[in-house]
Structures are given as C-alpha cells and as structure tokens.
Amino acid sequence: MATLRERRAESPSAVTLAFDVPGWPGHLAGQHVDVRLTAEDGYRAQRSYSIASAPGGEGLELTVQRVDDGEVSPYLTDALEAGDPVELRGPVGGWFVWRPGDPSPVLLVGGGSGIVPLMAMVRTRRASGATAPFRLVYSVRTPADRLYVPELPGATVLYTRTAPPGEPRAPGRLTRADLAAVPPSDCFVCGPTGFVEAAADLLVDLGHDPARIRTERFGPTGG
C-alpha cells in the first residue's frame, strides 16, 4: 500500500504524484506499476502507470494524464489528497528498461505522456553519474501539453498542432528528418500506438538495428 506524499501540476491535464511506499524494493528506469482502486461497493478498477522517478528510497513518482471519462485517472488527478492510500503492484516490466551501467548511446523518442518512462531514464542517468550519451526527442501537440518543462533544455521538442512563436520547425508529425543524424543507439520509443509504430519504422529506415529498438505503447484503456 502506498500513501500520497505530495502532488504537483505538470500541465493543465497532468499531475505528478509522489508516493511513500514502505518496503518498496526499488525499480529500474522504464518500469511501471499497476494502480488499483476499490469502491465502497467492492467494484475495482486497475490501470498501469509508468514510474517517472529515478530509483532510490522507499517511494516513487507517477505522472498521470487525466482521461476525462476514465475510471482511474480523474480520481488520481483531481481527488487524491496527501495522506490518502492507494494500492500499488509492482514494479512490473523487464524489457523496456535502461541500466546506468550500459555505456551505449541512447535515443529516447516520446509522444505525449509517453515521455514518462523516458524521463525516469533521464533522471536515472543524472542521479547515477552515468556518461552514456543521451538524446531525447519529444513530440507534443502544443506547448501547453509539455511535461517536465524545467528538465527539457537540451531536448528536441516537436509540436504537432501549435508551435511557440519563433519555432523554426512547422507543426507536424514526426518525420525522418527529425530523427536523422543520430548515430547507432539503443532506442526507446514510447507513446500512442500509431506514434510508436511510425517512429520505429522511421528508425529502421534510417538504419538503426531493429534488435536495439525497444517500444512501449498505450491506447484507449478507459483511463
């Protein structure tokens, strides 16, 4: 059982939730947890959320994007208060993970809230002092949709619908040019299914080894 310690807004529709989890075994960057809510009548709803924080201590952070007609995310983003308990299961996953001991160059490609597990990797690299070269390409609809804004300097941010004034790249979907000139890398791609499939195809077309492209996708699940 986890207890909410604090919450902070990341965007108009997303909140980062910091939990204390006594006995937490630790996690790897890229893993997720299952969050289960139980109503007074016994009805249960469960959703998976990527861990946003670097490993360390008896706790973790989740960044939750609100799905307005969802069963879980509206409660987590709007109703959960400090001190409230939440049932967590995890950490889950062993494929879509990055370990600080790996010296290989890393390319992170995130669409929307798909940046969450990638940010865990960025934070883990920073906290561990790892020297593996990292590049983050982050695609969002508008500037208001960006998550983790203070940590984005150095990242390549792409806008699909509305770009900020002075942005040299016109709004549009991820293209081959956006991923060009990247040396052979371990690639981690996360986002909606269509985005992930398109990005993975572009990477293969650019000559990246398919065996080094790891993907994680999400689709409509009820929120």
C-alpha atoms as a PDB file:
ATOM      1  CA  MET A   1       0.000   0.000   0.000  1.00  0.00           C
ATOM      2  CA  ALA A   2       1.285   3.446  -0.931  1.00  0.00           C
ATOM      3  CA  THR A   3       0.471   6.814   0.639  1.00  0.00           C
ATOM      4  CA  LEU A   4       0.400  10.054  -1.319  1.00  0.00           C
ATOM      5  CA  ARG A   5       3.067  12.434  -0.014  1.00  0.00           C
ATOM      6  CA  GLU A   6       2.617  15.350  -2.392  1.00  0.00           C
ATOM      7  CA  ARG A   7       1.293  16.323  -5.804  1.00  0.00           C
ATOM      8  CA  ARG A   8       2.362  18.886  -8.372  1.00  0.00           C
ATOM      9  CA  ALA A   9       0.880  20.013 -11.664  1.00  0.00           C
ATOM     10  CA  GLU A  10       2.839  19.232 -14.830  1.00  0.00           C
ATOM     11  CA  SER A  11       0.321  20.549 -17.379  1.00  0.00           C
ATOM     12  CA  PRO A  12      -3.361  21.532 -17.404  1.00  0.00           C
ATOM     13  CA  SER A  13      -4.283  17.836 -17.590  1.00  0.00           C
ATOM     14  CA  ALA A  14      -1.381  16.004 -15.933  1.00  0.00           C
ATOM     15  CA  VAL A  15      -0.204  15.704 -12.337  1.00  0.00           C
ATOM     16  CA  THR A  16       2.862  14.129 -10.786  1.00  0.00           C
ATOM     17  CA  LEU A  17       2.053  12.144  -7.642  1.00  0.00           C
ATOM     18  CA  ALA A  18       4.821  11.355  -5.143  1.00  0.00           C
ATOM     19  CA  PHE A  19       4.126   8.280  -3.017  1.00  0.00           C
ATOM     20  CA  ASP A  20       5.720   6.843   0.086  1.00  0.00           C
ATOM     21  CA  VAL A  21       5.846   3.062  -0.247  1.00  0.00           C
ATOM     22  CA  PRO A  22       7.175   1.314   2.881  1.00  0.00           C
ATOM     23  CA  GLY A  23       9.242  -1.705   1.901  1.00  0.00           C
ATOM     24  CA  TRP A  24       9.484  -0.613  -1.732  1.00  0.00           C
ATOM     25  CA  PRO A  25      12.001  -2.997  -3.349  1.00  0.00           C
ATOM     26  CA  GLY A  26      13.272  -0.438  -5.838  1.00  0.00           C
ATOM     27  CA  HIS A  27      12.745  -0.246  -9.570  1.00  0.00           C
ATOM     28  CA  LEU A  28      14.518   0.129 -12.886  1.00  0.00           C
ATOM     29  CA  ALA A  29      14.095   3.140 -15.159  1.00  0.00           C
ATOM     30  CA  GLY A  30      11.307   2.288 -17.587  1.00  0.00           C
ATOM     31  CA  GLN A  31       9.253   0.010 -15.333  1.00  0.00           C
ATOM     32  CA  HIS A  32       5.644   0.628 -14.349  1.00  0.00           C
ATOM     33  CA  VAL A  33       3.190  -0.159 -11.563  1.00  0.00           C
ATOM     34  CA  ASP A  34      -0.433  -1.218 -11.524  1.00  0.00           C
ATOM     35  CA  VAL A  35      -2.704   1.100  -9.548  1.00  0.00           C
ATOM     36  CA  ARG A  36      -5.883  -0.449  -8.174  1.00  0.00           C
ATOM     37  CA  LEU A  37      -8.842   1.480  -6.790  1.00  0.00           C
ATOM     38  CA  THR A  38     -11.667  -0.186  -4.853  1.00  0.00           C
ATOM     39  CA  ALA A  39     -15.061   1.487  -4.485  1.00  0.00           C
ATOM     40  CA  GLU A  40     -17.238   1.222  -1.387  1.00  0.00           C
ATOM     41  CA  ASP A  41     -19.436  -1.322  -3.161  1.00  0.00           C
ATOM     42  CA  GLY A  42     -16.406  -3.500  -3.893  1.00  0.00           C
ATOM     43  CA  TYR A  43     -16.009  -2.561  -7.554  1.00  0.00           C
ATOM     44  CA  ARG A  44     -12.364  -2.474  -8.611  1.00  0.00           C
ATOM     45  CA  ALA A  45     -10.617  -0.657 -11.416  1.00  0.00           C
ATOM     46  CA  GLN A  46      -6.945  -1.028 -12.287  1.00  0.00           C
ATOM     47  CA  ARG A  47      -4.618   0.846 -14.641  1.00  0.00           C
ATOM     48  CA  SER A  48      -0.891   0.733 -15.340  1.00  0.00           C
ATOM     49  CA  TYR A  49       1.267   3.842 -14.980  1.00  0.00           C
ATOM     50  CA  SER A  50       4.935   4.285 -15.783  1.00  0.00           C
ATOM     51  CA  ILE A  51       7.244   5.313 -12.969  1.00  0.00           C
ATOM     52  CA  ALA A  52       8.628   8.804 -13.540  1.00  0.00           C
ATOM     53  CA  SER A  53      11.272   8.938 -10.817  1.00  0.00           C
ATOM     54  CA  ALA A  54      14.785   7.564 -10.618  1.00  0.00           C
ATOM     55  CA  PRO A  55      15.285   4.612  -8.260  1.00  0.00           C
ATOM     56  CA  GLY A  56      16.112   5.358  -4.659  1.00  0.00           C
ATOM     57  CA  GLY A  57      14.428   5.325  -1.271  1.00  0.00           C
ATOM     58  CA  GLU A  58      11.079   3.957  -0.214  1.00  0.00           C
ATOM     59  CA  GLY A  59       8.963   5.783  -2.723  1.00  0.00           C
ATOM     60  CA  LEU A  60       8.268   6.651  -6.325  1.00  0.00           C
ATOM     61  CA  GLU A  61       6.578   9.204  -8.531  1.00  0.00           C
ATOM     62  CA  LEU A  62       3.878   8.680 -11.149  1.00  0.00           C
ATOM     63  CA  THR A  63       2.792  11.255 -13.700  1.00  0.00           C
ATOM     64  CA  VAL A  64      -0.865  10.740 -14.564  1.00  0.00           C
ATOM     65  CA  GLN A  65      -2.613  12.246 -17.580  1.00  0.00           C
ATOM     66  CA  ARG A  66      -6.309  12.778 -16.959  1.00  0.00           C
ATOM     67  CA  VAL A  67      -8.738  10.905 -19.217  1.00  0.00           C
ATOM     68  CA  ASP A  68     -11.981  12.782 -18.677  1.00  0.00           C
ATOM     69  CA  ASP A  69     -14.271   9.762 -18.946  1.00  0.00           C
ATOM     70  CA  GLY A  70     -11.797   7.375 -17.312  1.00  0.00           C
ATOM     71  CA  GLU A  71     -12.322   5.269 -14.225  1.00  0.00           C
ATOM     72  CA  VAL A  72      -8.963   5.804 -12.509  1.00  0.00           C
ATOM     73  CA  SER A  73      -7.132   8.886 -13.790  1.00  0.00           C
ATOM     74  CA  PRO A  74      -9.778  11.501 -12.796  1.00  0.00           C
ATOM     75  CA  TYR A  75      -9.624  10.281  -9.209  1.00  0.00           C
ATOM     76  CA  LEU A  76      -5.832  10.320  -9.139  1.00  0.00           C
ATOM     77  CA  THR A  77      -5.506  13.748 -10.768  1.00  0.00           C
ATOM     78  CA  ASP A  78      -8.432  15.538  -9.114  1.00  0.00           C
ATOM     79  CA  ALA A  79      -9.457  13.824  -5.877  1.00  0.00           C
ATOM     80  CA  LEU A  80      -6.446  12.094  -4.322  1.00  0.00           C
ATOM     81  CA  GLU A  81      -5.016  14.123  -1.440  1.00  0.00           C
ATOM     82  CA  ALA A  82      -1.866  13.948   0.661  1.00  0.00           C
ATOM     83  CA  GLY A  83      -2.167  11.122   3.168  1.00  0.00           C
ATOM     84  CA  ASP A  84      -4.597   9.087   1.053  1.00  0.00           C
ATOM     85  CA  PRO A  85      -3.716   5.416   0.482  1.00  0.00           C
ATOM     86  CA  VAL A  86      -3.504   3.744  -2.912  1.00  0.00           C
ATOM     87  CA  GLU A  87      -2.945   0.083  -3.725  1.00  0.00           C
ATOM     88  CA  LEU A  88       0.098  -0.455  -5.953  1.00  0.00           C
ATOM     89  CA  ARG A  89       1.510  -3.612  -7.530  1.00  0.00           C
ATOM     90  CA  GLY A  90       4.989  -3.670  -8.948  1.00  0.00           C
ATOM     91  CA  PRO A  91       7.452  -2.827 -10.204  1.00  0.00           C
ATOM     92  CA  VAL A  92       6.475  -4.507 -13.467  1.00  0.00           C
ATOM     93  CA  GLY A  93       8.476  -4.993 -16.659  1.00  0.00           C
ATOM     94  CA  GLY A  94      11.984  -6.015 -17.621  1.00  0.00           C
ATOM     95  CA  TRP A  95      12.288  -5.310 -21.336  1.00  0.00           C
ATOM     96  CA  PHE A  96      11.690  -1.571 -21.650  1.00  0.00           C
ATOM     97  CA  VAL A  97      14.342  -0.597 -19.102  1.00  0.00           C
ATOM     98  CA  TRP A  98      17.669   1.235 -19.072  1.00  0.00           C
ATOM     99  CA  ARG A  99      20.502   0.429 -16.677  1.00  0.00           C
ATOM    100  CA  PRO A 100      23.170   3.007 -15.769  1.00  0.00           C
ATOM    101  CA  GLY A 101      25.976   0.527 -16.368  1.00  0.00           C
ATOM    102  CA  ASP A 102      25.268   0.408 -20.101  1.00  0.00           C
ATOM    103  CA  PRO A 103      27.664   2.775 -21.909  1.00  0.00           C
ATOM    104  CA  SER A 104      25.882   2.634 -25.283  1.00  0.00           C
ATOM    105  CA  PRO A 105      24.446   5.847 -26.756  1.00  0.00           C
ATOM    106  CA  VAL A 106      20.724   6.179 -26.114  1.00  0.00           C
ATOM    107  CA  LEU A 107      17.958   7.750 -28.218  1.00  0.00           C
ATOM    108  CA  LEU A 108      14.677   8.404 -26.419  1.00  0.00           C
ATOM    109  CA  VAL A 109      11.597   9.148 -28.520  1.00  0.00           C
ATOM    110  CA  GLY A 110       8.411  10.056 -26.674  1.00  0.00           C
ATOM    111  CA  GLY A 111       4.947  11.039 -27.815  1.00  0.00           C
ATOM    112  CA  GLY A 112       2.709  12.877 -25.334  1.00  0.00           C
ATOM    113  CA  SER A 113       2.694  11.187 -21.934  1.00  0.00           C
ATOM    114  CA  GLY A 114       4.995   8.555 -23.427  1.00  0.00           C
ATOM    115  CA  ILE A 115       7.781  10.743 -22.089  1.00  0.00           C
ATOM    116  CA  VAL A 116       7.141   9.497 -18.532  1.00  0.00           C
ATOM    117  CA  PRO A 117       9.291   6.321 -18.532  1.00  0.00           C
ATOM    118  CA  LEU A 118      11.868   8.124 -20.673  1.00  0.00           C
ATOM    119  CA  MET A 119      12.152  10.850 -18.041  1.00  0.00           C
ATOM    120  CA  ALA A 120      12.829   8.135 -15.472  1.00  0.00           C
ATOM    121  CA  MET A 121      15.774   7.114 -17.658  1.00  0.00           C
ATOM    122  CA  VAL A 122      16.999  10.715 -17.961  1.00  0.00           C
ATOM    123  CA  ARG A 123      16.762  11.170 -14.202  1.00  0.00           C
ATOM    124  CA  THR A 124      18.469   7.868 -13.501  1.00  0.00           C
ATOM    125  CA  ARG A 125      21.348   8.810 -15.770  1.00  0.00           C
ATOM    126  CA  ARG A 126      21.707  12.141 -13.990  1.00  0.00           C
ATOM    127  CA  ALA A 127      21.475  10.669 -10.487  1.00  0.00           C
ATOM    128  CA  SER A 128      23.917   7.845 -11.198  1.00  0.00           C
ATOM    129  CA  GLY A 129      26.529   9.981 -12.909  1.00  0.00           C
ATOM    130  CA  ALA A 130      26.404   7.705 -15.972  1.00  0.00           C
ATOM    131  CA  THR A 131      28.145   9.066 -19.059  1.00  0.00           C
ATOM    132  CA  ALA A 132      26.255   7.258 -21.834  1.00  0.00           C
ATOM    133  CA  PRO A 133      25.285   9.863 -24.499  1.00  0.00           C
ATOM    134  CA  PHE A 134      21.551  10.587 -24.354  1.00  0.00           C
ATOM    135  CA  ARG A 135      19.281  12.317 -26.851  1.00  0.00           C
ATOM    136  CA  LEU A 136      15.596  12.981 -26.179  1.00  0.00           C
ATOM    137  CA  VAL A 137      13.091  13.687 -28.966  1.00  0.00           C
ATOM    138  CA  TYR A 138       9.715  14.676 -27.519  1.00  0.00           C
ATOM    139  CA  SER A 139       6.561  15.154 -29.607  1.00  0.00           C
ATOM    140  CA  VAL A 140       3.556  17.041 -28.190  1.00  0.00           C
ATOM    141  CA  ARG A 141       0.504  18.726 -29.633  1.00  0.00           C
ATOM    142  CA  THR A 142       1.046  22.208 -28.192  1.00  0.00           C
ATOM    143  CA  PRO A 143       3.435  23.964 -25.792  1.00  0.00           C
ATOM    144  CA  ALA A 144       0.817  23.670 -23.027  1.00  0.00           C
ATOM    145  CA  ASP A 145       0.925  19.876 -23.314  1.00  0.00           C
ATOM    146  CA  ARG A 146       4.609  19.597 -22.402  1.00  0.00           C
ATOM    147  CA  LEU A 147       5.528  17.705 -19.240  1.00  0.00           C
ATOM    148  CA  TYR A 148       8.645  18.302 -17.125  1.00  0.00           C
ATOM    149  CA  VAL A 149       9.303  21.701 -18.701  1.00  0.00           C
ATOM    150  CA  PRO A 150      12.202  22.632 -16.361  1.00  0.00           C
ATOM    151  CA  GLU A 151      14.019  19.457 -17.422  1.00  0.00           C
ATOM    152  CA  LEU A 152      13.577  19.869 -21.190  1.00  0.00           C
ATOM    153  CA  PRO A 153      16.525  22.134 -22.068  1.00  0.00           C
ATOM    154  CA  GLY A 154      18.711  20.135 -24.412  1.00  0.00           C
ATOM    155  CA  ALA A 155      15.810  18.020 -25.652  1.00  0.00           C
ATOM    156  CA  THR A 156      14.400  18.228 -29.172  1.00  0.00           C
ATOM    157  CA  VAL A 157      10.743  19.202 -28.724  1.00  0.00           C
ATOM    158  CA  LEU A 158       8.432  18.783 -31.704  1.00  0.00           C
ATOM    159  CA  TYR A 159       4.938  20.254 -31.940  1.00  0.00           C
ATOM    160  CA  THR A 160       2.224  18.602 -33.997  1.00  0.00           C
ATOM    161  CA  ARG A 161      -0.536  21.230 -33.869  1.00  0.00           C
ATOM    162  CA  THR A 162       0.665  24.560 -32.484  1.00  0.00           C
ATOM    163  CA  ALA A 163       4.271  25.675 -32.057  1.00  0.00           C
ATOM    164  CA  PRO A 164       5.533  28.565 -29.902  1.00  0.00           C
ATOM    165  CA  PRO A 165       6.475  31.844 -31.608  1.00  0.00           C
ATOM    166  CA  GLY A 166       9.820  31.675 -33.343  1.00  0.00           C
ATOM    167  CA  GLU A 167       9.898  27.887 -33.537  1.00  0.00           C
ATOM    168  CA  PRO A 168      11.781  27.083 -36.781  1.00  0.00           C
ATOM    169  CA  ARG A 169      10.038  23.758 -37.379  1.00  0.00           C
ATOM    170  CA  ALA A 170       6.456  23.972 -38.623  1.00  0.00           C
ATOM    171  CA  PRO A 171       3.912  21.951 -36.610  1.00  0.00           C
ATOM    172  CA  GLY A 172       3.525  18.412 -37.867  1.00  0.00           C
ATOM    173  CA  ARG A 173       4.038  14.765 -37.144  1.00  0.00           C
ATOM    174  CA  LEU A 174       7.381  13.125 -36.509  1.00  0.00           C
ATOM    175  CA  THR A 175       9.396  12.787 -39.722  1.00  0.00           C
ATOM    176  CA  ARG A 176      12.551  11.107 -40.931  1.00  0.00           C
ATOM    177  CA  ALA A 177      14.360  14.453 -40.765  1.00  0.00           C
ATOM    178  CA  ASP A 178      13.570  14.756 -37.043  1.00  0.00           C
ATOM    179  CA  LEU A 179      15.500  11.546 -36.335  1.00  0.00           C
ATOM    180  CA  ALA A 180      18.270  11.916 -38.905  1.00  0.00           C
ATOM    181  CA  ALA A 181      21.956  12.225 -37.988  1.00  0.00           C
ATOM    182  CA  VAL A 182      21.565  10.035 -34.901  1.00  0.00           C
ATOM    183  CA  PRO A 183      24.421   7.510 -34.552  1.00  0.00           C
ATOM    184  CA  PRO A 184      23.691   3.837 -33.857  1.00  0.00           C
ATOM    185  CA  SER A 185      21.962   3.838 -30.489  1.00  0.00           C
ATOM    186  CA  ASP A 186      19.835   1.885 -28.078  1.00  0.00           C
ATOM    187  CA  CYS A 187      16.419   3.322 -28.939  1.00  0.00           C
ATOM    188  CA  PHE A 188      13.493   3.578 -26.537  1.00  0.00           C
ATOM    189  CA  VAL A 189      10.194   4.689 -28.077  1.00  0.00           C
ATOM    190  CA  CYS A 190       7.029   5.259 -26.033  1.00  0.00           C
ATOM    191  CA  GLY A 191       3.654   6.810 -26.805  1.00  0.00           C
ATOM    192  CA  PRO A 192       0.333   6.078 -28.509  1.00  0.00           C
ATOM    193  CA  THR A 193       0.359   3.013 -30.747  1.00  0.00           C
ATOM    194  CA  GLY A 194       0.331   4.924 -34.050  1.00  0.00           C
ATOM    195  CA  PHE A 195       3.177   7.186 -32.944  1.00  0.00           C
ATOM    196  CA  VAL A 196       5.309   4.279 -31.756  1.00  0.00           C
ATOM    197  CA  GLU A 197       4.815   2.275 -34.936  1.00  0.00           C
ATOM    198  CA  ALA A 198       5.642   5.276 -37.134  1.00  0.00           C
ATOM    199  CA  ALA A 199       8.738   6.172 -35.096  1.00  0.00           C
ATOM    200  CA  ALA A 200      10.029   2.600 -35.092  1.00  0.00           C
ATOM    201  CA  ASP A 201       9.572   2.364 -38.869  1.00  0.00           C
ATOM    202  CA  LEU A 202      11.478   5.620 -39.344  1.00  0.00           C
ATOM    203  CA  LEU A 203      14.334   4.397 -37.162  1.00  0.00           C
ATOM    204  CA  VAL A 204      14.639   1.143 -39.101  1.00  0.00           C
ATOM    205  CA  ASP A 205      14.501   3.071 -42.372  1.00  0.00           C
ATOM    206  CA  LEU A 206      17.353   5.243 -41.109  1.00  0.00           C
ATOM    207  CA  GLY A 207      19.492   2.184 -40.499  1.00  0.00           C
ATOM    208  CA  HIS A 208      19.019   1.512 -36.800  1.00  0.00           C
ATOM    209  CA  ASP A 209      19.266  -2.126 -35.777  1.00  0.00           C
ATOM    210  CA  PRO A 210      15.712  -3.392 -35.084  1.00  0.00           C
ATOM    211  CA  ALA A 211      17.114  -5.502 -32.233  1.00  0.00           C
ATOM    212  CA  ARG A 212      18.145  -2.274 -30.475  1.00  0.00           C
ATOM    213  CA  ILE A 213      14.732  -0.588 -30.779  1.00  0.00           C
ATOM    214  CA  ARG A 214      12.558  -1.135 -27.716  1.00  0.00           C
ATOM    215  CA  THR A 215       8.992   0.087 -27.782  1.00  0.00           C
ATOM    216  CA  GLU A 216       6.198   0.591 -25.308  1.00  0.00           C
ATOM    217  CA  ARG A 217       2.794   1.739 -26.453  1.00  0.00           C
ATOM    218  CA  PHE A 218      -0.533   2.662 -24.965  1.00  0.00           C
ATOM    219  CA  GLY A 219      -4.001   3.012 -26.359  1.00  0.00           C
ATOM    220  CA  PRO A 220      -7.547   3.624 -25.158  1.00  0.00           C
ATOM    221  CA  THR A 221      -7.962   1.649 -21.938  1.00  0.00           C
ATOM    222  CA  GLY A 222     -10.668   3.597 -20.153  1.00  0.00           C
ATOM    223  CA  GLY A 223      -8.215   5.756 -18.169  1.00  0.00           C
END
